[in-house]
Amino acid sequence: MDLKEFFLKQKQATYKNSLKVFQAIPPDQIGWRPAEGMLSLGQIVRHVGMSEAGVRRVAIENAWDYYERRVPLGLFKLLGEITSLADELALLEQIHQETMAAAEAFPIERWEEERSNDAFGVHTKVAVMLFGINEHNTHHRAQIGTYLHLLTGKRASHYAL
């Protein structure tokens, strides 16, 4: 198994596990946040997808448009209002499929290329950026799981109960 195959397997597993937790969000609680100034449950789901798409575009296309918007606007303005968990999950699925297809099509010999942008202080290899998508997703899965435990008193986990 090469690095690309390993990434694709890990990406699929990470997505499936996160989806289990994200689907546990009560649809009428997508605006819930533990404190003012923090991301809501729905905003976290949107952020996971938007960030994945942005990082994928840098890694695969060397396109920095996500960061060019996010840095000056800030995360809250970029995310906007969330009105439907179902819509956010559908968008997340679309982004996941796009990432899988793009990574599959990207030649393995190019995974060692570096993506650099002095304005954002980034000098990172394509492979590291792509694996970073999985790490970021896992981080926010745990965050939502913790928030749901606070909100509902129930355990929200991708592990079998």
N, C-alpha and C. Protein backbone atom coordinates (compact mmCIF):
# COMPACT_ATOMS: atom_id res chain seq x y z
N MET A 1 0.85 -1.17 0.00
CA MET A 1 0.00 0.00 0.00
C MET A 1 0.90 1.24 0.00
N ASP A 2 0.67 2.14 -0.94
CA ASP A 2 1.46 3.37 -0.97
C ASP A 2 0.77 4.46 -0.15
N LEU A 3 1.41 5.61 -0.07
CA LEU A 3 0.92 6.70 0.77
C LEU A 3 -0.46 7.18 0.33
N LYS A 4 -0.70 7.23 -0.97
CA LYS A 4 -2.01 7.66 -1.47
C LYS A 4 -3.10 6.68 -1.04
N GLU A 5 -2.86 5.40 -1.21
CA GLU A 5 -3.84 4.39 -0.81
C GLU A 5 -4.12 4.46 0.69
N PHE A 6 -3.06 4.67 1.47
CA PHE A 6 -3.23 4.79 2.91
C PHE A 6 -4.08 6.01 3.25
N PHE A 7 -3.79 7.14 2.59
CA PHE A 7 -4.59 8.34 2.83
C PHE A 7 -6.06 8.09 2.49
N LEU A 8 -6.33 7.51 1.35
CA LEU A 8 -7.72 7.28 0.92
C LEU A 8 -8.47 6.39 1.91
N LYS A 9 -7.81 5.36 2.41
CA LYS A 9 -8.44 4.49 3.41
C LYS A 9 -8.70 5.25 4.71
N GLN A 10 -7.71 6.01 5.15
CA GLN A 10 -7.88 6.78 6.37
C GLN A 10 -8.93 7.87 6.20
N LYS A 11 -8.95 8.52 5.05
CA LYS A 11 -9.92 9.58 4.79
C LYS A 11 -11.34 9.03 4.85
N GLN A 12 -11.56 7.89 4.23
CA GLN A 12 -12.89 7.28 4.23
C GLN A 12 -13.31 6.91 5.65
N ALA A 13 -12.42 6.30 6.41
CA ALA A 13 -12.74 5.91 7.78
C ALA A 13 -12.98 7.14 8.67
N THR A 14 -12.17 8.15 8.51
CA THR A 14 -12.33 9.38 9.31
C THR A 14 -13.67 10.02 9.01
N TYR A 15 -14.02 10.10 7.74
CA TYR A 15 -15.30 10.70 7.36
C TYR A 15 -16.48 9.91 7.94
N LYS A 16 -16.46 8.60 7.78
CA LYS A 16 -17.56 7.76 8.29
C LYS A 16 -17.72 7.92 9.80
N ASN A 17 -16.61 7.93 10.52
CA ASN A 17 -16.67 8.07 11.97
C ASN A 17 -17.17 9.46 12.38
N SER A 18 -16.73 10.47 11.70
CA SER A 18 -17.19 11.83 12.02
C SER A 18 -18.67 11.97 11.70
N LEU A 19 -19.09 11.39 10.61
CA LEU A 19 -20.50 11.48 10.23
C LEU A 19 -21.40 10.89 11.31
N LYS A 20 -20.98 9.81 11.93
CA LYS A 20 -21.77 9.21 13.02
C LYS A 20 -21.99 10.21 14.14
N VAL A 21 -20.96 10.96 14.48
CA VAL A 21 -21.08 11.95 15.56
C VAL A 21 -21.87 13.16 15.09
N PHE A 22 -21.58 13.66 13.90
CA PHE A 22 -22.28 14.84 13.39
C PHE A 22 -23.79 14.58 13.26
N GLN A 23 -24.16 13.36 12.87
CA GLN A 23 -25.58 13.02 12.73
C GLN A 23 -26.30 12.96 14.08
N ALA A 24 -25.55 12.92 15.17
CA ALA A 24 -26.15 12.89 16.50
C ALA A 24 -26.56 14.29 16.97
N ILE A 25 -26.19 15.31 16.21
CA ILE A 25 -26.59 16.67 16.58
C ILE A 25 -28.10 16.78 16.43
N PRO A 26 -28.82 17.18 17.49
CA PRO A 26 -30.26 17.40 17.33
C PRO A 26 -30.47 18.55 16.34
N PRO A 27 -31.23 18.33 15.27
CA PRO A 27 -31.39 19.37 14.25
C PRO A 27 -31.85 20.72 14.80
N ASP A 28 -32.61 20.69 15.87
CA ASP A 28 -33.07 21.96 16.44
C ASP A 28 -32.02 22.60 17.34
N GLN A 29 -30.84 22.01 17.43
CA GLN A 29 -29.77 22.55 18.29
C GLN A 29 -28.52 22.95 17.49
N ILE A 30 -28.67 23.12 16.18
CA ILE A 30 -27.48 23.46 15.38
C ILE A 30 -26.89 24.80 15.76
N GLY A 31 -27.67 25.66 16.37
CA GLY A 31 -27.16 26.97 16.79
C GLY A 31 -26.58 26.97 18.19
N TRP A 32 -26.63 25.82 18.88
CA TRP A 32 -26.14 25.77 20.26
C TRP A 32 -24.63 25.90 20.29
N ARG A 33 -24.15 26.66 21.26
CA ARG A 33 -22.72 26.82 21.53
C ARG A 33 -22.53 26.85 23.04
N PRO A 34 -21.40 26.37 23.54
CA PRO A 34 -21.22 26.31 24.99
C PRO A 34 -21.04 27.69 25.63
N ALA A 35 -20.60 28.67 24.85
CA ALA A 35 -20.41 30.02 25.38
C ALA A 35 -20.39 31.01 24.22
N GLU A 36 -20.74 32.23 24.50
CA GLU A 36 -20.71 33.29 23.48
C GLU A 36 -19.30 33.40 22.90
N GLY A 37 -19.22 33.61 21.61
CA GLY A 37 -17.94 33.75 20.94
C GLY A 37 -17.34 32.44 20.45
N MET A 38 -18.00 31.32 20.75
CA MET A 38 -17.52 30.02 20.28
C MET A 38 -18.36 29.58 19.09
N LEU A 39 -17.82 28.67 18.30
CA LEU A 39 -18.57 28.14 17.17
C LEU A 39 -19.76 27.33 17.66
N SER A 40 -20.87 27.44 16.94
CA SER A 40 -22.03 26.59 17.22
C SER A 40 -21.79 25.21 16.63
N LEU A 41 -22.63 24.27 17.00
CA LEU A 41 -22.53 22.92 16.45
C LEU A 41 -22.60 22.94 14.93
N GLY A 42 -23.56 23.67 14.39
CA GLY A 42 -23.70 23.76 12.93
C GLY A 42 -22.51 24.44 12.28
N GLN A 43 -21.99 25.48 12.91
CA GLN A 43 -20.82 26.16 12.35
C GLN A 43 -19.60 25.25 12.32
N ILE A 44 -19.47 24.40 13.30
CA ILE A 44 -18.33 23.47 13.29
C ILE A 44 -18.44 22.52 12.11
N VAL A 45 -19.63 21.99 11.86
CA VAL A 45 -19.82 21.10 10.72
C VAL A 45 -19.48 21.83 9.42
N ARG A 46 -19.98 23.05 9.27
CA ARG A 46 -19.68 23.82 8.05
C ARG A 46 -18.18 24.08 7.95
N HIS A 47 -17.56 24.44 9.07
CA HIS A 47 -16.13 24.72 9.08
C HIS A 47 -15.32 23.50 8.63
N VAL A 48 -15.69 22.33 9.09
CA VAL A 48 -14.98 21.11 8.69
C VAL A 48 -15.00 20.97 7.17
N GLY A 49 -16.16 21.16 6.57
CA GLY A 49 -16.27 21.04 5.12
C GLY A 49 -15.53 22.14 4.37
N MET A 50 -15.75 23.39 4.78
CA MET A 50 -15.10 24.50 4.09
C MET A 50 -13.58 24.39 4.18
N SER A 51 -13.09 24.04 5.35
CA SER A 51 -11.66 23.91 5.53
C SER A 51 -11.10 22.78 4.67
N GLU A 52 -11.81 21.65 4.65
CA GLU A 52 -11.35 20.53 3.82
C GLU A 52 -11.24 20.94 2.37
N ALA A 53 -12.26 21.60 1.85
CA ALA A 53 -12.24 22.02 0.45
C ALA A 53 -11.10 23.00 0.21
N GLY A 54 -10.89 23.92 1.14
CA GLY A 54 -9.82 24.90 0.98
C GLY A 54 -8.44 24.29 1.01
N VAL A 55 -8.21 23.40 1.96
CA VAL A 55 -6.90 22.75 2.06
C VAL A 55 -6.68 21.85 0.85
N ARG A 56 -7.72 21.15 0.42
CA ARG A 56 -7.59 20.30 -0.77
C ARG A 56 -7.18 21.13 -1.99
N ARG A 57 -7.79 22.30 -2.15
CA ARG A 57 -7.45 23.15 -3.31
C ARG A 57 -5.99 23.61 -3.25
N VAL A 58 -5.51 23.91 -2.05
CA VAL A 58 -4.09 24.27 -1.94
C VAL A 58 -3.23 23.07 -2.31
N ALA A 59 -3.51 21.93 -1.70
CA ALA A 59 -2.67 20.74 -1.91
C ALA A 59 -2.67 20.28 -3.37
N ILE A 60 -3.83 20.18 -3.96
CA ILE A 60 -3.94 19.59 -5.30
C ILE A 60 -3.74 20.63 -6.41
N GLU A 61 -4.29 21.83 -6.23
CA GLU A 61 -4.27 22.84 -7.30
C GLU A 61 -3.34 24.02 -7.03
N ASN A 62 -2.76 24.07 -5.83
CA ASN A 62 -1.97 25.22 -5.40
C ASN A 62 -2.79 26.51 -5.48
N ALA A 63 -4.08 26.40 -5.14
CA ALA A 63 -5.02 27.53 -5.17
C ALA A 63 -5.29 27.96 -3.73
N TRP A 64 -5.05 29.20 -3.41
CA TRP A 64 -5.09 29.72 -2.04
C TRP A 64 -6.34 30.55 -1.76
N ASP A 65 -7.39 30.43 -2.56
CA ASP A 65 -8.57 31.29 -2.44
C ASP A 65 -9.26 31.19 -1.08
N TYR A 66 -9.29 30.01 -0.48
CA TYR A 66 -9.93 29.85 0.83
C TYR A 66 -9.22 30.73 1.87
N TYR A 67 -7.92 30.64 1.91
CA TYR A 67 -7.14 31.42 2.89
C TYR A 67 -7.21 32.92 2.58
N GLU A 68 -7.26 33.26 1.31
CA GLU A 68 -7.35 34.67 0.92
C GLU A 68 -8.66 35.30 1.40
N ARG A 69 -9.70 34.51 1.56
CA ARG A 69 -10.97 35.00 2.12
C ARG A 69 -10.99 34.86 3.64
N ARG A 70 -10.57 33.71 4.13
CA ARG A 70 -10.69 33.42 5.56
C ARG A 70 -9.85 34.35 6.44
N VAL A 71 -8.63 34.59 6.03
CA VAL A 71 -7.74 35.38 6.89
C VAL A 71 -8.26 36.81 7.09
N PRO A 72 -8.59 37.53 6.02
CA PRO A 72 -9.07 38.90 6.29
C PRO A 72 -10.48 38.96 6.89
N LEU A 73 -11.35 38.04 6.51
CA LEU A 73 -12.73 38.07 7.01
C LEU A 73 -12.86 37.52 8.42
N GLY A 74 -12.08 36.52 8.75
CA GLY A 74 -12.23 35.81 10.01
C GLY A 74 -13.22 34.66 9.83
N LEU A 75 -13.11 33.69 10.69
CA LEU A 75 -13.89 32.46 10.54
C LEU A 75 -15.39 32.70 10.66
N PHE A 76 -15.84 33.49 11.64
CA PHE A 76 -17.27 33.67 11.85
C PHE A 76 -17.96 34.30 10.64
N LYS A 77 -17.37 35.31 10.04
CA LYS A 77 -17.98 35.95 8.87
C LYS A 77 -17.98 35.02 7.66
N LEU A 78 -16.95 34.23 7.55
CA LEU A 78 -16.86 33.29 6.43
C LEU A 78 -17.92 32.19 6.52
N LEU A 79 -18.19 31.72 7.73
CA LEU A 79 -19.13 30.62 7.92
C LEU A 79 -20.57 31.03 7.68
N GLY A 80 -20.95 32.20 8.10
CA GLY A 80 -22.33 32.65 7.93
C GLY A 80 -23.30 31.91 8.82
N GLU A 81 -24.57 32.06 8.50
CA GLU A 81 -25.65 31.46 9.30
C GLU A 81 -25.93 30.03 8.84
N ILE A 82 -26.17 29.16 9.79
CA ILE A 82 -26.48 27.76 9.51
C ILE A 82 -27.97 27.55 9.81
N THR A 83 -28.70 27.01 8.85
CA THR A 83 -30.14 26.84 9.04
C THR A 83 -30.60 25.39 8.99
N SER A 84 -29.76 24.49 8.47
CA SER A 84 -30.22 23.12 8.30
C SER A 84 -29.05 22.14 8.46
N LEU A 85 -29.17 21.25 9.42
CA LEU A 85 -28.15 20.21 9.60
C LEU A 85 -28.10 19.31 8.37
N ALA A 86 -29.26 18.97 7.83
CA ALA A 86 -29.30 18.10 6.64
C ALA A 86 -28.54 18.72 5.48
N ASP A 87 -28.70 20.03 5.28
CA ASP A 87 -27.98 20.70 4.20
C ASP A 87 -26.47 20.68 4.44
N GLU A 88 -26.06 20.90 5.69
CA GLU A 88 -24.63 20.89 6.01
C GLU A 88 -24.03 19.51 5.82
N LEU A 89 -24.76 18.48 6.20
CA LEU A 89 -24.26 17.11 6.04
C LEU A 89 -24.19 16.73 4.56
N ALA A 90 -25.14 17.20 3.77
CA ALA A 90 -25.10 16.94 2.32
C ALA A 90 -23.89 17.63 1.68
N LEU A 91 -23.62 18.85 2.10
CA LEU A 91 -22.46 19.56 1.58
C LEU A 91 -21.16 18.88 2.02
N LEU A 92 -21.12 18.41 3.25
CA LEU A 92 -19.95 17.69 3.75
C LEU A 92 -19.70 16.42 2.94
N GLU A 93 -20.77 15.71 2.60
CA GLU A 93 -20.65 14.51 1.76
C GLU A 93 -20.09 14.86 0.39
N GLN A 94 -20.59 15.92 -0.20
CA GLN A 94 -20.11 16.35 -1.52
C GLN A 94 -18.61 16.69 -1.46
N ILE A 95 -18.23 17.44 -0.45
CA ILE A 95 -16.82 17.83 -0.30
C ILE A 95 -15.95 16.59 -0.08
N HIS A 96 -16.42 15.67 0.74
CA HIS A 96 -15.68 14.42 0.98
C HIS A 96 -15.46 13.67 -0.34
N GLN A 97 -16.51 13.54 -1.13
CA GLN A 97 -16.38 12.82 -2.40
C GLN A 97 -15.42 13.54 -3.35
N GLU A 98 -15.47 14.87 -3.36
CA GLU A 98 -14.55 15.65 -4.21
C GLU A 98 -13.11 15.45 -3.77
N THR A 99 -12.88 15.41 -2.45
CA THR A 99 -11.53 15.20 -1.94
C THR A 99 -11.04 13.80 -2.31
N MET A 100 -11.89 12.81 -2.14
CA MET A 100 -11.50 11.44 -2.49
C MET A 100 -11.12 11.34 -3.97
N ALA A 101 -11.93 11.93 -4.84
CA ALA A 101 -11.67 11.86 -6.27
C ALA A 101 -10.39 12.63 -6.64
N ALA A 102 -10.22 13.80 -6.06
CA ALA A 102 -9.04 14.61 -6.37
C ALA A 102 -7.76 13.92 -5.89
N ALA A 103 -7.79 13.37 -4.69
CA ALA A 103 -6.61 12.68 -4.16
C ALA A 103 -6.30 11.42 -4.97
N GLU A 104 -7.34 10.71 -5.36
CA GLU A 104 -7.15 9.50 -6.18
C GLU A 104 -6.50 9.85 -7.52
N ALA A 105 -6.93 10.95 -8.12
CA ALA A 105 -6.41 11.34 -9.44
C ALA A 105 -5.04 12.01 -9.37
N PHE A 106 -4.65 12.52 -8.21
CA PHE A 106 -3.39 13.23 -8.08
C PHE A 106 -2.24 12.24 -8.07
N PRO A 107 -1.29 12.36 -9.00
CA PRO A 107 -0.21 11.37 -9.11
C PRO A 107 0.62 11.26 -7.82
N ILE A 108 0.89 10.04 -7.40
CA ILE A 108 1.62 9.79 -6.16
C ILE A 108 2.99 10.46 -6.18
N GLU A 109 3.61 10.54 -7.34
CA GLU A 109 4.94 11.16 -7.41
C GLU A 109 4.90 12.66 -7.11
N ARG A 110 3.72 13.26 -7.09
CA ARG A 110 3.59 14.69 -6.79
C ARG A 110 3.25 14.95 -5.32
N TRP A 111 3.04 13.91 -4.52
CA TRP A 111 2.66 14.07 -3.12
C TRP A 111 3.80 14.67 -2.29
N GLU A 112 5.01 14.66 -2.80
CA GLU A 112 6.15 15.25 -2.09
C GLU A 112 6.37 16.72 -2.46
N GLU A 113 5.61 17.25 -3.41
CA GLU A 113 5.73 18.66 -3.76
C GLU A 113 5.42 19.54 -2.55
N GLU A 114 6.06 20.70 -2.50
CA GLU A 114 5.80 21.64 -1.41
C GLU A 114 4.87 22.75 -1.90
N ARG A 115 3.96 23.11 -1.04
CA ARG A 115 3.08 24.26 -1.29
C ARG A 115 3.56 25.37 -0.36
N SER A 116 3.87 26.50 -0.95
CA SER A 116 4.42 27.61 -0.18
C SER A 116 3.64 28.89 -0.42
N ASN A 117 3.45 29.62 0.67
CA ASN A 117 2.83 30.93 0.59
C ASN A 117 3.37 31.74 1.77
N ASP A 118 4.26 32.66 1.47
CA ASP A 118 4.89 33.46 2.52
C ASP A 118 3.89 34.32 3.27
N ALA A 119 2.86 34.79 2.58
CA ALA A 119 1.86 35.64 3.23
C ALA A 119 1.15 34.92 4.36
N PHE A 120 0.97 33.62 4.22
CA PHE A 120 0.28 32.82 5.25
C PHE A 120 1.25 31.99 6.09
N GLY A 121 2.54 32.10 5.80
CA GLY A 121 3.54 31.36 6.56
C GLY A 121 3.44 29.85 6.37
N VAL A 122 3.07 29.43 5.17
CA VAL A 122 2.89 28.00 4.91
C VAL A 122 3.97 27.52 3.94
N HIS A 123 4.64 26.45 4.35
CA HIS A 123 5.62 25.75 3.51
C HIS A 123 5.47 24.28 3.88
N THR A 124 4.58 23.59 3.18
CA THR A 124 4.19 22.24 3.57
C THR A 124 4.04 21.34 2.35
N LYS A 125 4.39 20.09 2.52
CA LYS A 125 4.24 19.12 1.43
C LYS A 125 2.77 18.77 1.23
N VAL A 126 2.44 18.42 0.00
CA VAL A 126 1.08 18.02 -0.37
C VAL A 126 0.58 16.91 0.55
N ALA A 127 1.37 15.88 0.76
CA ALA A 127 0.94 14.74 1.58
C ALA A 127 0.60 15.19 3.00
N VAL A 128 1.41 16.07 3.56
CA VAL A 128 1.16 16.55 4.93
C VAL A 128 -0.14 17.35 4.98
N MET A 129 -0.40 18.15 3.95
CA MET A 129 -1.64 18.92 3.91
C MET A 129 -2.85 17.99 3.82
N LEU A 130 -2.77 16.97 2.98
CA LEU A 130 -3.90 16.06 2.82
C LEU A 130 -4.15 15.28 4.10
N PHE A 131 -3.12 14.76 4.72
CA PHE A 131 -3.32 14.06 5.99
C PHE A 131 -3.81 15.01 7.08
N GLY A 132 -3.45 16.28 6.97
CA GLY A 132 -3.94 17.28 7.91
C GLY A 132 -5.45 17.44 7.86
N ILE A 133 -6.05 17.19 6.71
CA ILE A 133 -7.52 17.22 6.59
C ILE A 133 -8.12 16.20 7.56
N ASN A 134 -7.55 15.01 7.60
CA ASN A 134 -8.05 13.96 8.50
C ASN A 134 -7.88 14.35 9.96
N GLU A 135 -6.73 14.93 10.28
CA GLU A 135 -6.47 15.35 11.66
C GLU A 135 -7.46 16.43 12.09
N HIS A 136 -7.70 17.39 11.22
CA HIS A 136 -8.63 18.48 11.50
C HIS A 136 -10.04 17.95 11.70
N ASN A 137 -10.44 17.03 10.86
CA ASN A 137 -11.76 16.42 10.96
C ASN A 137 -11.91 15.69 12.30
N THR A 138 -10.89 14.94 12.68
CA THR A 138 -10.93 14.20 13.94
C THR A 138 -11.01 15.15 15.14
N HIS A 139 -10.27 16.23 15.08
CA HIS A 139 -10.30 17.24 16.15
C HIS A 139 -11.73 17.75 16.36
N HIS A 140 -12.39 18.12 15.28
CA HIS A 140 -13.73 18.68 15.40
C HIS A 140 -14.78 17.61 15.71
N ARG A 141 -14.54 16.37 15.32
CA ARG A 141 -15.42 15.27 15.74
C ARG A 141 -15.42 15.18 17.27
N ALA A 142 -14.24 15.21 17.85
CA ALA A 142 -14.13 15.15 19.31
C ALA A 142 -14.76 16.37 19.96
N GLN A 143 -14.59 17.52 19.36
CA GLN A 143 -15.19 18.75 19.89
C GLN A 143 -16.71 18.64 19.91
N ILE A 144 -17.30 18.21 18.81
CA ILE A 144 -18.75 18.06 18.75
C ILE A 144 -19.22 16.99 19.72
N GLY A 145 -18.48 15.89 19.81
CA GLY A 145 -18.85 14.85 20.77
C GLY A 145 -18.88 15.38 22.20
N THR A 146 -17.91 16.19 22.55
CA THR A 146 -17.87 16.79 23.89
C THR A 146 -19.04 17.76 24.08
N TYR A 147 -19.28 18.59 23.09
CA TYR A 147 -20.39 19.55 23.18
C TYR A 147 -21.73 18.83 23.32
N LEU A 148 -21.91 17.76 22.56
CA LEU A 148 -23.17 17.02 22.65
C LEU A 148 -23.34 16.37 24.01
N HIS A 149 -22.25 15.94 24.59
CA HIS A 149 -22.33 15.37 25.94
C HIS A 149 -22.76 16.46 26.93
N LEU A 150 -22.21 17.65 26.79
CA LEU A 150 -22.61 18.76 27.65
C LEU A 150 -24.07 19.14 27.44
N LEU A 151 -24.47 19.16 26.18
CA LEU A 151 -25.82 19.60 25.82
C LEU A 151 -26.89 18.59 26.19
N THR A 152 -26.65 17.32 25.91
CA THR A 152 -27.69 16.30 26.05
C THR A 152 -27.47 15.36 27.23
N GLY A 153 -26.27 15.31 27.75
CA GLY A 153 -25.95 14.35 28.81
C GLY A 153 -25.70 12.96 28.26
N LYS A 154 -25.82 12.80 26.95
CA LYS A 154 -25.61 11.50 26.31
C LYS A 154 -24.24 11.47 25.63
N ARG A 155 -23.73 10.28 25.51
CA ARG A 155 -22.45 10.09 24.85
C ARG A 155 -22.64 10.11 23.34
N ALA A 156 -21.87 10.93 22.65
CA ALA A 156 -21.88 10.97 21.19
C ALA A 156 -20.51 10.52 20.73
N SER A 157 -20.44 9.34 20.17
CA SER A 157 -19.16 8.77 19.79
C SER A 157 -19.35 7.90 18.55
N HIS A 158 -18.28 7.76 17.80
CA HIS A 158 -18.30 6.86 16.65
C HIS A 158 -18.04 5.43 17.08
N TYR A 159 -17.59 5.23 18.30
CA TYR A 159 -17.38 3.88 18.79
C TYR A 159 -18.73 3.25 19.13
N ALA A 160 -18.83 1.96 18.92
CA ALA A 160 -20.08 1.25 19.26
C ALA A 160 -20.32 1.39 20.76
N LEU A 161 -21.57 1.63 21.10
CA LEU A 161 -21.91 1.81 22.52
C LEU A 161 -22.26 0.49 23.16
